[in-house]
N, C-alpha and C. Protein backbone atom coordinates (compact mmCIF):
# COMPACT_ATOMS: atom_id res chain seq x y z
N MET A 1 1.54 8.29 -9.15
CA MET A 1 1.36 9.56 -9.79
C MET A 1 1.22 9.32 -11.29
N ASP A 2 0.29 10.00 -11.94
CA ASP A 2 0.13 9.83 -13.38
C ASP A 2 1.05 10.79 -14.12
N SER A 3 0.99 10.78 -15.47
CA SER A 3 1.89 11.59 -16.28
C SER A 3 1.68 13.09 -16.09
N ASN A 4 0.56 13.50 -15.54
CA ASN A 4 0.29 14.91 -15.28
C ASN A 4 0.74 15.33 -13.89
N GLY A 5 1.35 14.43 -13.13
CA GLY A 5 1.79 14.76 -11.78
C GLY A 5 0.68 14.66 -10.75
N THR A 6 -0.46 14.07 -11.13
CA THR A 6 -1.58 13.93 -10.20
C THR A 6 -1.40 12.66 -9.39
N HIS A 7 -1.59 12.77 -8.09
CA HIS A 7 -1.46 11.60 -7.21
C HIS A 7 -2.66 10.69 -7.40
N ILE A 8 -2.41 9.43 -7.72
CA ILE A 8 -3.47 8.45 -7.93
C ILE A 8 -3.51 7.53 -6.72
N LYS A 9 -4.69 7.40 -6.12
CA LYS A 9 -4.85 6.50 -4.98
C LYS A 9 -4.85 5.06 -5.48
N PRO A 10 -4.32 4.14 -4.68
CA PRO A 10 -4.26 2.74 -5.09
C PRO A 10 -5.64 2.07 -5.16
N THR A 11 -5.66 0.97 -5.89
CA THR A 11 -6.82 0.10 -5.94
C THR A 11 -6.67 -0.92 -4.82
N ILE A 12 -7.75 -1.14 -4.08
CA ILE A 12 -7.70 -2.03 -2.92
C ILE A 12 -8.77 -3.11 -3.05
N LEU A 13 -8.34 -4.35 -2.86
CA LEU A 13 -9.27 -5.48 -2.76
C LEU A 13 -9.48 -5.76 -1.28
N ILE A 14 -10.74 -5.72 -0.85
CA ILE A 14 -11.09 -6.08 0.52
C ILE A 14 -11.59 -7.52 0.49
N LEU A 15 -10.82 -8.41 1.08
CA LEU A 15 -11.19 -9.82 1.16
C LEU A 15 -11.60 -10.09 2.60
N GLU A 16 -12.90 -9.93 2.85
CA GLU A 16 -13.47 -9.94 4.21
C GLU A 16 -14.78 -10.71 4.17
N ASN A 17 -14.91 -11.74 5.00
CA ASN A 17 -16.13 -12.55 4.99
C ASN A 17 -17.30 -11.85 5.69
N ASN A 18 -17.02 -10.87 6.55
CA ASN A 18 -18.05 -10.16 7.29
C ASN A 18 -18.53 -8.98 6.44
N VAL A 19 -19.74 -9.08 5.91
CA VAL A 19 -20.26 -8.07 4.99
C VAL A 19 -20.35 -6.69 5.66
N GLN A 20 -20.79 -6.64 6.90
CA GLN A 20 -20.90 -5.36 7.60
C GLN A 20 -19.53 -4.70 7.76
N ALA A 21 -18.53 -5.45 8.17
CA ALA A 21 -17.17 -4.91 8.31
C ALA A 21 -16.65 -4.45 6.95
N SER A 22 -16.90 -5.24 5.92
CA SER A 22 -16.48 -4.88 4.57
C SER A 22 -17.13 -3.58 4.12
N ASP A 23 -18.42 -3.41 4.43
CA ASP A 23 -19.14 -2.17 4.07
C ASP A 23 -18.52 -0.95 4.73
N ILE A 24 -18.21 -1.06 6.02
CA ILE A 24 -17.65 0.07 6.77
C ILE A 24 -16.27 0.45 6.21
N ILE A 25 -15.42 -0.54 6.02
CA ILE A 25 -14.07 -0.29 5.50
C ILE A 25 -14.15 0.28 4.09
N SER A 26 -15.00 -0.31 3.27
CA SER A 26 -15.17 0.16 1.89
C SER A 26 -15.64 1.61 1.85
N PHE A 27 -16.60 1.95 2.70
CA PHE A 27 -17.12 3.31 2.76
C PHE A 27 -16.01 4.30 3.08
N GLU A 28 -15.23 4.00 4.12
CA GLU A 28 -14.17 4.91 4.55
C GLU A 28 -13.09 5.06 3.48
N LEU A 29 -12.70 3.96 2.87
CA LEU A 29 -11.66 4.02 1.84
C LEU A 29 -12.15 4.74 0.59
N SER A 30 -13.38 4.47 0.18
CA SER A 30 -13.96 5.15 -0.99
C SER A 30 -14.04 6.65 -0.75
N ARG A 31 -14.43 7.01 0.45
CA ARG A 31 -14.54 8.42 0.83
C ARG A 31 -13.18 9.13 0.76
N SER A 32 -12.12 8.35 0.96
CA SER A 32 -10.76 8.91 0.90
C SER A 32 -10.17 8.84 -0.51
N GLY A 33 -10.95 8.38 -1.48
CA GLY A 33 -10.50 8.40 -2.86
C GLY A 33 -9.91 7.12 -3.39
N TYR A 34 -9.91 6.05 -2.60
CA TYR A 34 -9.40 4.77 -3.08
C TYR A 34 -10.45 4.10 -3.95
N TYR A 35 -10.01 3.33 -4.94
CA TYR A 35 -10.91 2.53 -5.75
C TYR A 35 -10.98 1.16 -5.08
N ILE A 36 -12.18 0.71 -4.77
CA ILE A 36 -12.39 -0.50 -3.97
C ILE A 36 -13.14 -1.56 -4.77
N PHE A 37 -12.72 -2.80 -4.61
CA PHE A 37 -13.56 -3.93 -4.99
C PHE A 37 -13.42 -4.97 -3.90
N ARG A 38 -14.41 -5.88 -3.84
CA ARG A 38 -14.50 -6.78 -2.69
C ARG A 38 -14.70 -8.23 -3.10
N ALA A 39 -14.33 -9.09 -2.17
CA ALA A 39 -14.63 -10.51 -2.26
C ALA A 39 -14.91 -10.98 -0.83
N TYR A 40 -15.70 -12.05 -0.73
CA TYR A 40 -16.16 -12.49 0.60
C TYR A 40 -15.66 -13.88 1.00
N ASN A 41 -14.87 -14.53 0.11
CA ASN A 41 -14.26 -15.81 0.47
C ASN A 41 -12.93 -15.92 -0.28
N GLY A 42 -12.11 -16.86 0.18
CA GLY A 42 -10.75 -16.98 -0.35
C GLY A 42 -10.66 -17.32 -1.82
N ARG A 43 -11.50 -18.21 -2.28
CA ARG A 43 -11.45 -18.60 -3.70
C ARG A 43 -11.79 -17.42 -4.61
N GLU A 44 -12.86 -16.71 -4.26
CA GLU A 44 -13.26 -15.54 -5.03
C GLU A 44 -12.16 -14.47 -4.95
N GLY A 45 -11.58 -14.29 -3.77
CA GLY A 45 -10.51 -13.31 -3.60
C GLY A 45 -9.29 -13.61 -4.45
N LEU A 46 -8.87 -14.88 -4.48
CA LEU A 46 -7.72 -15.25 -5.31
C LEU A 46 -8.01 -15.03 -6.79
N ARG A 47 -9.24 -15.35 -7.20
CA ARG A 47 -9.63 -15.13 -8.60
C ARG A 47 -9.56 -13.64 -8.94
N ARG A 48 -10.07 -12.81 -8.05
CA ARG A 48 -10.04 -11.36 -8.30
C ARG A 48 -8.61 -10.81 -8.25
N LEU A 49 -7.77 -11.36 -7.41
CA LEU A 49 -6.36 -10.95 -7.39
C LEU A 49 -5.72 -11.16 -8.75
N HIS A 50 -5.99 -12.31 -9.34
CA HIS A 50 -5.42 -12.62 -10.65
C HIS A 50 -6.01 -11.74 -11.75
N MET A 51 -7.32 -11.49 -11.69
CA MET A 51 -8.00 -10.72 -12.73
C MET A 51 -7.73 -9.23 -12.64
N ARG A 52 -7.79 -8.66 -11.45
CA ARG A 52 -7.79 -7.20 -11.29
C ARG A 52 -6.44 -6.62 -10.88
N LYS A 53 -5.55 -7.42 -10.32
CA LYS A 53 -4.23 -6.97 -9.89
C LYS A 53 -4.29 -5.69 -9.03
N PRO A 54 -4.91 -5.76 -7.86
CA PRO A 54 -5.00 -4.58 -6.99
C PRO A 54 -3.62 -4.17 -6.47
N ASP A 55 -3.51 -2.93 -6.02
CA ASP A 55 -2.27 -2.46 -5.42
C ASP A 55 -2.12 -2.97 -3.99
N ILE A 56 -3.26 -3.08 -3.28
CA ILE A 56 -3.24 -3.49 -1.88
C ILE A 56 -4.38 -4.49 -1.65
N LEU A 57 -4.11 -5.51 -0.84
CA LEU A 57 -5.12 -6.48 -0.41
C LEU A 57 -5.30 -6.35 1.09
N LEU A 58 -6.55 -6.15 1.53
CA LEU A 58 -6.89 -6.22 2.95
C LEU A 58 -7.50 -7.59 3.16
N LEU A 59 -6.93 -8.37 4.07
CA LEU A 59 -7.25 -9.79 4.18
C LEU A 59 -7.76 -10.13 5.57
N ASP A 60 -9.00 -10.62 5.64
CA ASP A 60 -9.57 -11.04 6.93
C ASP A 60 -10.53 -12.20 6.72
N LEU A 61 -9.99 -13.40 6.69
CA LEU A 61 -10.80 -14.62 6.61
C LEU A 61 -10.45 -15.47 7.81
N PRO A 62 -11.41 -15.73 8.70
CA PRO A 62 -11.11 -16.41 9.96
C PRO A 62 -10.71 -17.87 9.77
N GLU A 63 -10.01 -18.38 10.81
CA GLU A 63 -9.70 -19.80 10.83
C GLU A 63 -11.01 -20.57 10.71
N GLY A 64 -10.97 -21.67 10.01
CA GLY A 64 -12.18 -22.47 9.82
C GLY A 64 -12.77 -22.25 8.44
N MET A 65 -12.49 -21.09 7.83
CA MET A 65 -12.92 -20.88 6.44
C MET A 65 -11.95 -21.64 5.56
N ASP A 66 -12.42 -22.06 4.42
CA ASP A 66 -11.56 -22.77 3.49
C ASP A 66 -11.51 -22.02 2.18
N PRO A 67 -10.45 -21.30 1.91
CA PRO A 67 -9.24 -21.09 2.70
C PRO A 67 -9.39 -19.91 3.66
N ASP A 68 -8.54 -19.90 4.71
CA ASP A 68 -8.52 -18.77 5.64
C ASP A 68 -7.43 -17.78 5.20
N SER A 69 -7.22 -16.71 5.96
CA SER A 69 -6.26 -15.67 5.59
C SER A 69 -4.86 -16.24 5.38
N PHE A 70 -4.43 -17.15 6.24
CA PHE A 70 -3.08 -17.69 6.14
C PHE A 70 -2.94 -18.57 4.91
N ASP A 71 -3.99 -19.34 4.58
CA ASP A 71 -3.96 -20.15 3.37
C ASP A 71 -3.87 -19.27 2.12
N VAL A 72 -4.65 -18.19 2.10
CA VAL A 72 -4.63 -17.27 0.95
C VAL A 72 -3.24 -16.66 0.82
N PHE A 73 -2.67 -16.19 1.93
CA PHE A 73 -1.35 -15.58 1.90
C PHE A 73 -0.31 -16.57 1.39
N ASN A 74 -0.34 -17.82 1.89
CA ASN A 74 0.61 -18.84 1.44
C ASN A 74 0.45 -19.13 -0.05
N GLN A 75 -0.79 -19.20 -0.52
CA GLN A 75 -1.02 -19.46 -1.94
C GLN A 75 -0.50 -18.30 -2.79
N MET A 76 -0.69 -17.07 -2.32
CA MET A 76 -0.15 -15.91 -3.03
C MET A 76 1.37 -16.02 -3.14
N GLN A 77 2.03 -16.42 -2.07
CA GLN A 77 3.49 -16.58 -2.09
C GLN A 77 3.89 -17.65 -3.09
N GLU A 78 3.20 -18.79 -3.08
CA GLU A 78 3.50 -19.88 -3.99
C GLU A 78 3.33 -19.48 -5.45
N GLU A 79 2.33 -18.63 -5.72
CA GLU A 79 2.04 -18.21 -7.09
C GLU A 79 2.82 -16.97 -7.51
N GLY A 80 3.62 -16.43 -6.60
CA GLY A 80 4.43 -15.26 -6.93
C GLY A 80 3.64 -13.96 -7.02
N LEU A 81 2.47 -13.92 -6.39
CA LEU A 81 1.68 -12.68 -6.37
C LEU A 81 2.30 -11.76 -5.34
N ASP A 82 2.73 -10.57 -5.77
CA ASP A 82 3.44 -9.67 -4.86
C ASP A 82 2.59 -8.48 -4.43
N THR A 83 1.28 -8.65 -4.40
CA THR A 83 0.38 -7.60 -3.95
C THR A 83 0.66 -7.27 -2.48
N GLU A 84 0.80 -5.98 -2.19
CA GLU A 84 0.96 -5.55 -0.79
C GLU A 84 -0.27 -6.02 -0.02
N THR A 85 -0.06 -6.74 1.08
CA THR A 85 -1.16 -7.34 1.82
C THR A 85 -1.11 -6.92 3.28
N LEU A 86 -2.25 -6.49 3.79
CA LEU A 86 -2.40 -6.18 5.21
C LEU A 86 -3.46 -7.14 5.76
N THR A 87 -3.04 -7.99 6.68
CA THR A 87 -3.92 -9.00 7.23
C THR A 87 -4.42 -8.57 8.60
N PHE A 88 -5.71 -8.77 8.83
CA PHE A 88 -6.32 -8.47 10.13
C PHE A 88 -6.19 -9.73 10.98
N VAL A 89 -5.55 -9.62 12.15
CA VAL A 89 -5.33 -10.80 12.99
C VAL A 89 -5.81 -10.54 14.41
N THR A 90 -6.06 -11.63 15.14
CA THR A 90 -6.36 -11.55 16.57
C THR A 90 -5.04 -11.66 17.33
N ASP A 91 -5.07 -11.39 18.62
CA ASP A 91 -3.87 -11.54 19.45
C ASP A 91 -3.29 -12.95 19.32
N ASP A 92 -4.17 -13.95 19.25
CA ASP A 92 -3.73 -15.34 19.16
C ASP A 92 -3.06 -15.67 17.83
N GLU A 93 -3.31 -14.88 16.79
CA GLU A 93 -2.75 -15.16 15.45
C GLU A 93 -1.48 -14.37 15.16
N MET A 94 -1.10 -13.47 16.07
CA MET A 94 0.06 -12.61 15.82
C MET A 94 1.35 -13.38 15.57
N ASP A 95 1.62 -14.39 16.37
CA ASP A 95 2.87 -15.15 16.21
C ASP A 95 2.94 -15.81 14.84
N LEU A 96 1.83 -16.38 14.40
CA LEU A 96 1.81 -17.01 13.08
C LEU A 96 2.03 -15.96 11.99
N ALA A 97 1.37 -14.81 12.11
CA ALA A 97 1.53 -13.74 11.12
C ALA A 97 2.99 -13.29 11.05
N ILE A 98 3.62 -13.14 12.20
CA ILE A 98 5.02 -12.74 12.24
C ILE A 98 5.90 -13.79 11.60
N SER A 99 5.65 -15.07 11.92
CA SER A 99 6.49 -16.15 11.37
C SER A 99 6.37 -16.25 9.85
N LEU A 100 5.24 -15.83 9.29
CA LEU A 100 5.05 -15.86 7.84
C LEU A 100 5.53 -14.58 7.16
N GLY A 101 5.93 -13.60 7.96
CA GLY A 101 6.40 -12.34 7.39
C GLY A 101 5.28 -11.45 6.88
N MET A 102 4.11 -11.58 7.49
CA MET A 102 2.94 -10.80 7.05
C MET A 102 2.95 -9.40 7.66
N GLN A 103 2.42 -8.44 6.90
CA GLN A 103 2.07 -7.15 7.48
C GLN A 103 0.69 -7.36 8.10
N TYR A 104 0.49 -6.91 9.33
CA TYR A 104 -0.78 -7.18 9.99
C TYR A 104 -1.20 -6.01 10.85
N ILE A 105 -2.48 -6.02 11.19
CA ILE A 105 -3.05 -5.09 12.15
C ILE A 105 -3.92 -5.93 13.08
N VAL A 106 -3.82 -5.68 14.38
CA VAL A 106 -4.53 -6.51 15.37
C VAL A 106 -5.96 -6.00 15.55
N LYS A 107 -6.90 -6.94 15.50
CA LYS A 107 -8.32 -6.64 15.72
C LYS A 107 -8.61 -6.67 17.22
N PRO A 108 -9.49 -5.85 17.69
CA PRO A 108 -10.18 -4.77 16.98
C PRO A 108 -9.24 -3.57 16.82
N PHE A 109 -9.48 -2.77 15.78
CA PHE A 109 -8.66 -1.59 15.53
C PHE A 109 -9.58 -0.43 15.18
N ALA A 110 -9.07 0.77 15.36
CA ALA A 110 -9.82 1.98 14.99
C ALA A 110 -9.64 2.20 13.49
N ILE A 111 -10.67 2.71 12.84
CA ILE A 111 -10.62 2.91 11.39
C ILE A 111 -9.49 3.87 11.01
N HIS A 112 -9.20 4.87 11.85
CA HIS A 112 -8.11 5.79 11.50
C HIS A 112 -6.75 5.09 11.55
N ASP A 113 -6.60 4.07 12.42
CA ASP A 113 -5.36 3.29 12.44
C ASP A 113 -5.22 2.50 11.14
N LEU A 114 -6.32 1.93 10.68
CA LEU A 114 -6.30 1.20 9.41
C LEU A 114 -5.95 2.15 8.26
N MET A 115 -6.56 3.32 8.24
CA MET A 115 -6.29 4.30 7.18
C MET A 115 -4.82 4.71 7.18
N ASN A 116 -4.24 4.89 8.36
CA ASN A 116 -2.82 5.24 8.44
C ASN A 116 -1.94 4.13 7.90
N ARG A 117 -2.26 2.89 8.25
CA ARG A 117 -1.47 1.75 7.75
C ARG A 117 -1.55 1.66 6.23
N ILE A 118 -2.74 1.85 5.68
CA ILE A 118 -2.92 1.79 4.22
C ILE A 118 -2.14 2.92 3.55
N SER A 119 -2.20 4.11 4.13
CA SER A 119 -1.46 5.25 3.58
C SER A 119 0.04 4.96 3.58
N ASN A 120 0.56 4.38 4.66
CA ASN A 120 1.98 4.03 4.73
C ASN A 120 2.36 2.99 3.69
N ILE A 121 1.53 1.98 3.53
CA ILE A 121 1.79 0.95 2.52
C ILE A 121 1.80 1.58 1.13
N SER A 122 0.84 2.45 0.89
CA SER A 122 0.73 3.13 -0.40
C SER A 122 1.97 3.97 -0.69
N LEU A 123 2.42 4.74 0.28
CA LEU A 123 3.62 5.57 0.10
C LEU A 123 4.86 4.72 -0.14
N ARG A 124 5.00 3.64 0.62
CA ARG A 124 6.15 2.76 0.45
C ARG A 124 6.16 2.13 -0.93
N SER A 125 5.00 1.70 -1.40
CA SER A 125 4.90 1.10 -2.74
C SER A 125 5.25 2.12 -3.80
N GLU A 126 4.78 3.34 -3.62
CA GLU A 126 5.05 4.41 -4.59
C GLU A 126 6.55 4.71 -4.63
N GLN A 127 7.22 4.70 -3.49
CA GLN A 127 8.65 4.98 -3.44
C GLN A 127 9.43 3.87 -4.13
N ILE A 128 9.00 2.64 -3.98
CA ILE A 128 9.68 1.52 -4.63
C ILE A 128 9.57 1.65 -6.15
N GLN A 129 8.42 2.11 -6.63
CA GLN A 129 8.19 2.21 -8.06
C GLN A 129 8.72 3.52 -8.66
N ARG A 130 9.19 4.43 -7.82
CA ARG A 130 9.67 5.73 -8.29
C ARG A 130 10.90 5.53 -9.17
N PRO A 131 11.05 6.31 -10.24
CA PRO A 131 12.23 6.18 -11.10
C PRO A 131 13.51 6.50 -10.33
N ILE A 132 14.62 5.96 -10.81
CA ILE A 132 15.90 6.15 -10.14
C ILE A 132 16.37 7.59 -10.27
N ILE A 133 16.12 8.21 -11.43
CA ILE A 133 16.48 9.62 -11.63
C ILE A 133 15.23 10.38 -12.02
N GLN A 134 14.97 11.47 -11.31
CA GLN A 134 13.83 12.33 -11.61
C GLN A 134 14.36 13.69 -12.04
N LYS A 135 13.75 14.25 -13.08
CA LYS A 135 14.09 15.59 -13.54
C LYS A 135 12.91 16.50 -13.26
N LEU A 136 13.18 17.61 -12.60
CA LEU A 136 12.16 18.62 -12.31
C LEU A 136 12.72 19.96 -12.77
N GLY A 137 12.55 20.25 -14.05
CA GLY A 137 13.13 21.48 -14.60
C GLY A 137 14.65 21.41 -14.52
N ARG A 138 15.24 22.35 -13.79
CA ARG A 138 16.71 22.41 -13.66
C ARG A 138 17.22 21.53 -12.52
N ILE A 139 16.31 20.88 -11.81
CA ILE A 139 16.67 20.04 -10.66
C ILE A 139 16.68 18.57 -11.08
N THR A 140 17.69 17.82 -10.63
CA THR A 140 17.77 16.38 -10.86
C THR A 140 17.88 15.69 -9.51
N ILE A 141 17.07 14.65 -9.33
CA ILE A 141 17.14 13.85 -8.11
C ILE A 141 17.63 12.45 -8.51
N ASP A 142 18.79 12.07 -8.01
CA ASP A 142 19.34 10.74 -8.24
C ASP A 142 19.03 9.93 -6.98
N VAL A 143 17.96 9.15 -7.04
CA VAL A 143 17.48 8.41 -5.87
C VAL A 143 18.49 7.35 -5.43
N ARG A 144 19.11 6.68 -6.37
CA ARG A 144 20.06 5.61 -6.03
C ARG A 144 21.24 6.15 -5.21
N ARG A 145 21.77 7.30 -5.60
CA ARG A 145 22.93 7.87 -4.91
C ARG A 145 22.54 8.91 -3.86
N ALA A 146 21.24 9.23 -3.76
CA ALA A 146 20.73 10.23 -2.81
C ALA A 146 21.40 11.59 -3.01
N ILE A 147 21.41 12.04 -4.28
CA ILE A 147 22.01 13.32 -4.62
C ILE A 147 20.99 14.17 -5.36
N ILE A 148 20.92 15.44 -4.96
CA ILE A 148 20.10 16.42 -5.67
C ILE A 148 21.05 17.41 -6.33
N SER A 149 20.79 17.68 -7.61
CA SER A 149 21.63 18.62 -8.35
C SER A 149 20.77 19.70 -8.96
N LYS A 150 21.34 20.90 -9.06
CA LYS A 150 20.71 22.00 -9.77
C LYS A 150 21.68 22.41 -10.86
N ASP A 151 21.22 22.39 -12.10
CA ASP A 151 22.08 22.69 -13.25
C ASP A 151 23.34 21.82 -13.22
N ASP A 152 23.19 20.55 -12.91
CA ASP A 152 24.26 19.56 -12.84
C ASP A 152 25.30 19.82 -11.75
N ASN A 153 25.00 20.70 -10.80
CA ASN A 153 25.88 20.95 -9.66
C ASN A 153 25.23 20.38 -8.41
N PRO A 154 25.91 19.46 -7.69
CA PRO A 154 25.31 18.87 -6.48
C PRO A 154 24.97 19.93 -5.44
N VAL A 155 23.83 19.72 -4.79
CA VAL A 155 23.37 20.60 -3.72
C VAL A 155 23.59 19.87 -2.40
N GLU A 156 24.29 20.52 -1.47
CA GLU A 156 24.55 19.90 -0.17
C GLU A 156 23.32 20.03 0.71
N LEU A 157 22.78 18.88 1.15
CA LEU A 157 21.61 18.85 2.02
C LEU A 157 21.84 17.84 3.13
N SER A 158 21.25 18.11 4.29
CA SER A 158 21.25 17.09 5.34
C SER A 158 20.32 15.96 4.89
N LEU A 159 20.44 14.80 5.53
CA LEU A 159 19.58 13.68 5.19
C LEU A 159 18.11 14.05 5.38
N HIS A 160 17.80 14.77 6.46
CA HIS A 160 16.43 15.21 6.71
C HIS A 160 15.94 16.11 5.59
N ASP A 161 16.77 17.09 5.18
CA ASP A 161 16.37 18.00 4.10
C ASP A 161 16.21 17.26 2.77
N TYR A 162 17.09 16.28 2.53
CA TYR A 162 16.98 15.47 1.31
C TYR A 162 15.64 14.72 1.30
N ASP A 163 15.32 14.07 2.42
CA ASP A 163 14.05 13.33 2.52
C ASP A 163 12.85 14.26 2.33
N LEU A 164 12.91 15.43 2.94
CA LEU A 164 11.82 16.39 2.81
C LEU A 164 11.69 16.86 1.36
N PHE A 165 12.81 17.17 0.72
CA PHE A 165 12.78 17.61 -0.67
C PHE A 165 12.16 16.52 -1.56
N CYS A 166 12.58 15.27 -1.37
CA CYS A 166 12.04 14.17 -2.18
C CYS A 166 10.54 13.99 -1.95
N LEU A 167 10.11 14.13 -0.71
CA LEU A 167 8.69 14.02 -0.40
C LEU A 167 7.91 15.11 -1.13
N LEU A 168 8.38 16.34 -1.04
CA LEU A 168 7.69 17.45 -1.70
C LEU A 168 7.72 17.30 -3.23
N ALA A 169 8.84 16.84 -3.75
CA ALA A 169 8.95 16.65 -5.20
C ALA A 169 8.02 15.56 -5.71
N SER A 170 7.71 14.58 -4.85
CA SER A 170 6.84 13.47 -5.27
C SER A 170 5.37 13.87 -5.27
N GLN A 171 5.06 15.04 -4.71
CA GLN A 171 3.67 15.48 -4.60
C GLN A 171 3.54 16.93 -5.08
N PRO A 172 3.92 17.22 -6.34
CA PRO A 172 3.93 18.60 -6.79
C PRO A 172 2.55 19.27 -6.78
N SER A 173 1.50 18.50 -6.92
CA SER A 173 0.17 19.10 -6.95
C SER A 173 -0.27 19.62 -5.58
N THR A 174 0.44 19.22 -4.50
CA THR A 174 0.07 19.68 -3.16
C THR A 174 0.82 20.92 -2.73
N LEU A 175 1.80 21.35 -3.54
CA LEU A 175 2.60 22.52 -3.18
C LEU A 175 1.86 23.79 -3.56
N PRO A 176 1.90 24.82 -2.69
CA PRO A 176 1.29 26.10 -3.06
C PRO A 176 2.10 26.75 -4.17
N SER A 177 1.43 27.48 -5.05
CA SER A 177 2.16 28.12 -6.14
C SER A 177 2.50 29.56 -5.82
């Protein structure tokens, strides 16, 4: 969210060797308001990661490429790059992805499944970066202690209501006036 309370979509690097697949994914993400840039091999992708610092990396480089998706992921770990990464894997690659602690989606997948995963990653990243205390007029949200106060008086809420309130407070531009 920017200083005006407007929700900003993340920047996504698509690191995909298949140009047609990259085009389809790029089209769908751009249409949803994400800012996209692409690379078609691991070396170019790592260079762009360093230069552009995307919010999310979509990673699909098959075994046999030098480097492949797992090599790129390992190099990112070694270099301390903490970009949220979603790797496209086959059924045969799932065990390796799990052992490396990767977020993954199994190919083939529906584009709406990919969009949902990206949206979830985006929301999780936004929550991690959210300030510990938020002020909304007379309302204060203390995220660390999970307390909402009005005029410095705690408001009793169920956990569900607290989560709902925080979600709505994080997206003020979507609330009806």
